[in-house]
Amino acid sequence: MVPFTLKEFITVFLFSLPFVVLTFWAIIDLSRTQTKAIYTKFFWLAFVILVPYIGGLCYLLFGRKVLKKKEA
């Protein structure tokens, strides 16, 4: 009893791969960001981890600007 055929597995893998890459990219970017807004950074890290597919995308679109604005 196979839950997925090979074609279905490849399709799901290819559609989810960009979101997984964005999530890891967001976590790495958050770890490298030096800011005094530690609570904002913690919020974004928790959001990216708890909402993995959408969180990474939201951070890269909005969070980087928020952290840079708080630093200025």
N, C-alpha and C. Protein backbone atom coordinates (compact mmCIF):
# COMPACT_ATOMS: atom_id res chain seq x y z
N MET A 1 0.83 -1.18 0.00
CA MET A 1 0.00 0.00 0.00
C MET A 1 0.88 1.25 0.00
N VAL A 2 1.01 1.87 -1.12
CA VAL A 2 1.83 3.06 -1.29
C VAL A 2 0.91 4.28 -1.24
N PRO A 3 1.20 5.24 -0.34
CA PRO A 3 0.32 6.40 -0.24
C PRO A 3 0.41 7.33 -1.45
N PHE A 4 1.57 7.40 -2.07
CA PHE A 4 1.78 8.25 -3.23
C PHE A 4 2.39 7.45 -4.36
N THR A 5 2.02 7.82 -5.56
CA THR A 5 2.75 7.28 -6.71
C THR A 5 4.01 8.14 -6.87
N LEU A 6 4.92 7.69 -7.68
CA LEU A 6 6.16 8.44 -7.89
C LEU A 6 5.87 9.80 -8.52
N LYS A 7 4.93 9.84 -9.44
CA LYS A 7 4.59 11.11 -10.10
C LYS A 7 4.00 12.10 -9.09
N GLU A 8 3.15 11.64 -8.19
CA GLU A 8 2.57 12.52 -7.19
C GLU A 8 3.63 13.00 -6.21
N PHE A 9 4.54 12.13 -5.83
CA PHE A 9 5.61 12.50 -4.93
C PHE A 9 6.50 13.58 -5.54
N ILE A 10 6.88 13.41 -6.79
CA ILE A 10 7.73 14.39 -7.46
C ILE A 10 7.00 15.73 -7.59
N THR A 11 5.72 15.69 -7.89
CA THR A 11 4.94 16.92 -8.01
C THR A 11 4.88 17.67 -6.69
N VAL A 12 4.58 16.97 -5.61
CA VAL A 12 4.52 17.60 -4.29
C VAL A 12 5.90 18.13 -3.89
N PHE A 13 6.93 17.37 -4.16
CA PHE A 13 8.30 17.78 -3.84
C PHE A 13 8.68 19.05 -4.59
N LEU A 14 8.39 19.10 -5.87
CA LEU A 14 8.78 20.27 -6.67
C LEU A 14 7.99 21.51 -6.29
N PHE A 15 6.74 21.35 -5.88
CA PHE A 15 5.96 22.52 -5.47
C PHE A 15 6.34 23.00 -4.08
N SER A 16 6.78 22.11 -3.20
CA SER A 16 7.12 22.53 -1.84
C SER A 16 8.58 22.96 -1.70
N LEU A 17 9.44 22.58 -2.61
CA LEU A 17 10.86 22.91 -2.52
C LEU A 17 11.13 24.42 -2.43
N PRO A 18 10.51 25.26 -3.27
CA PRO A 18 10.79 26.70 -3.14
C PRO A 18 10.42 27.27 -1.77
N PHE A 19 9.32 26.79 -1.19
CA PHE A 19 8.92 27.29 0.12
C PHE A 19 9.88 26.83 1.21
N VAL A 20 10.38 25.64 1.11
CA VAL A 20 11.36 25.14 2.08
C VAL A 20 12.65 25.94 1.98
N VAL A 21 13.08 26.22 0.77
CA VAL A 21 14.29 27.02 0.56
C VAL A 21 14.09 28.42 1.13
N LEU A 22 12.92 29.03 0.89
CA LEU A 22 12.65 30.36 1.43
C LEU A 22 12.66 30.36 2.96
N THR A 23 12.14 29.31 3.57
CA THR A 23 12.11 29.22 5.02
C THR A 23 13.53 29.16 5.58
N PHE A 24 14.37 28.31 5.00
CA PHE A 24 15.75 28.22 5.48
C PHE A 24 16.52 29.51 5.21
N TRP A 25 16.26 30.13 4.07
CA TRP A 25 16.92 31.39 3.74
C TRP A 25 16.53 32.47 4.76
N ALA A 26 15.26 32.51 5.14
CA ALA A 26 14.80 33.49 6.12
C ALA A 26 15.45 33.24 7.48
N ILE A 27 15.56 31.99 7.89
CA ILE A 27 16.18 31.68 9.18
C ILE A 27 17.66 32.07 9.18
N ILE A 28 18.36 31.78 8.10
CA ILE A 28 19.77 32.15 7.99
C ILE A 28 19.93 33.66 7.98
N ASP A 29 19.07 34.35 7.23
CA ASP A 29 19.13 35.81 7.17
C ASP A 29 18.85 36.43 8.54
N LEU A 30 17.88 35.87 9.25
CA LEU A 30 17.58 36.36 10.61
C LEU A 30 18.76 36.16 11.54
N SER A 31 19.45 35.04 11.42
CA SER A 31 20.58 34.79 12.31
C SER A 31 21.75 35.71 12.01
N ARG A 32 21.87 36.18 10.80
CA ARG A 32 22.97 37.07 10.43
C ARG A 32 22.66 38.54 10.67
N THR A 33 21.39 38.88 10.82
CA THR A 33 21.00 40.27 11.00
C THR A 33 21.39 40.75 12.39
N GLN A 34 22.15 41.84 12.43
CA GLN A 34 22.53 42.43 13.70
C GLN A 34 21.64 43.65 13.92
N THR A 35 20.82 43.57 14.95
CA THR A 35 19.89 44.65 15.23
C THR A 35 19.68 44.78 16.72
N LYS A 36 19.28 45.97 17.15
CA LYS A 36 18.96 46.19 18.55
C LYS A 36 17.51 45.83 18.84
N ALA A 37 16.71 45.62 17.81
CA ALA A 37 15.30 45.28 17.96
C ALA A 37 15.17 43.77 18.18
N ILE A 38 15.60 43.31 19.34
CA ILE A 38 15.67 41.88 19.60
C ILE A 38 14.29 41.24 19.66
N TYR A 39 13.29 41.98 20.19
CA TYR A 39 11.93 41.42 20.27
C TYR A 39 11.33 41.25 18.88
N THR A 40 11.59 42.18 18.00
CA THR A 40 11.11 42.07 16.63
C THR A 40 11.78 40.90 15.92
N LYS A 41 13.05 40.75 16.14
CA LYS A 41 13.79 39.63 15.55
C LYS A 41 13.25 38.30 16.08
N PHE A 42 12.98 38.23 17.38
CA PHE A 42 12.43 37.02 17.98
C PHE A 42 11.04 36.71 17.41
N PHE A 43 10.22 37.74 17.24
CA PHE A 43 8.89 37.56 16.65
C PHE A 43 9.00 36.96 15.26
N TRP A 44 9.88 37.52 14.44
CA TRP A 44 10.01 37.01 13.07
C TRP A 44 10.54 35.58 13.05
N LEU A 45 11.47 35.28 13.93
CA LEU A 45 12.00 33.92 14.00
C LEU A 45 10.90 32.94 14.40
N ALA A 46 10.11 33.28 15.40
CA ALA A 46 9.00 32.42 15.82
C ALA A 46 7.98 32.27 14.70
N PHE A 47 7.69 33.36 14.01
CA PHE A 47 6.71 33.32 12.91
C PHE A 47 7.20 32.42 11.77
N VAL A 48 8.46 32.54 11.43
CA VAL A 48 9.02 31.73 10.34
C VAL A 48 9.02 30.25 10.71
N ILE A 49 9.32 29.95 11.97
CA ILE A 49 9.37 28.54 12.39
C ILE A 49 7.97 27.95 12.54
N LEU A 50 7.05 28.72 13.11
CA LEU A 50 5.71 28.19 13.37
C LEU A 50 4.81 28.17 12.14
N VAL A 51 5.07 29.05 11.19
CA VAL A 51 4.31 29.08 9.93
C VAL A 51 5.31 28.96 8.79
N PRO A 52 5.85 27.75 8.58
CA PRO A 52 7.03 27.62 7.74
C PRO A 52 6.88 28.06 6.29
N TYR A 53 5.84 27.70 5.61
CA TYR A 53 5.76 28.03 4.19
C TYR A 53 5.49 29.50 3.96
N ILE A 54 4.55 30.05 4.67
CA ILE A 54 4.19 31.46 4.48
C ILE A 54 5.11 32.38 5.27
N GLY A 55 5.58 31.91 6.42
CA GLY A 55 6.42 32.74 7.28
C GLY A 55 7.72 33.18 6.63
N GLY A 56 8.39 32.27 5.96
CA GLY A 56 9.64 32.63 5.28
C GLY A 56 9.43 33.66 4.19
N LEU A 57 8.36 33.48 3.44
CA LEU A 57 8.05 34.42 2.37
C LEU A 57 7.69 35.80 2.93
N CYS A 58 6.88 35.82 3.99
CA CYS A 58 6.50 37.09 4.61
C CYS A 58 7.72 37.81 5.19
N TYR A 59 8.60 37.06 5.82
CA TYR A 59 9.80 37.70 6.38
C TYR A 59 10.64 38.33 5.28
N LEU A 60 10.87 37.60 4.19
CA LEU A 60 11.73 38.13 3.14
C LEU A 60 11.08 39.31 2.42
N LEU A 61 9.76 39.36 2.39
CA LEU A 61 9.08 40.48 1.74
C LEU A 61 8.94 41.69 2.67
N PHE A 62 8.63 41.46 3.96
CA PHE A 62 8.31 42.55 4.86
C PHE A 62 9.28 42.68 6.04
N GLY A 63 9.71 41.59 6.59
CA GLY A 63 10.50 41.61 7.83
C GLY A 63 11.85 42.25 7.70
N ARG A 64 12.51 42.04 6.60
CA ARG A 64 13.84 42.64 6.42
C ARG A 64 13.75 44.15 6.45
N LYS A 65 12.69 44.71 5.83
CA LYS A 65 12.50 46.16 5.82
C LYS A 65 12.21 46.67 7.23
N VAL A 66 11.41 45.92 7.98
CA VAL A 66 11.05 46.33 9.35
C VAL A 66 12.30 46.35 10.23
N LEU A 67 13.13 45.33 10.14
CA LEU A 67 14.34 45.30 10.95
C LEU A 67 15.32 46.39 10.58
N LYS A 68 15.44 46.69 9.30
CA LYS A 68 16.34 47.75 8.87
C LYS A 68 15.80 49.12 9.31
N LYS A 69 14.48 49.29 9.27
CA LYS A 69 13.87 50.56 9.68
C LYS A 69 14.06 50.76 11.18
N LYS A 70 13.95 49.70 11.99
CA LYS A 70 14.11 49.81 13.43
C LYS A 70 15.57 50.14 13.79
N GLU A 71 16.50 49.73 12.95
CA GLU A 71 17.92 49.98 13.22
C GLU A 71 18.26 51.45 12.98
N ALA A 72 17.58 52.07 12.03
CA ALA A 72 17.91 53.46 11.67
C ALA A 72 17.43 54.45 12.70
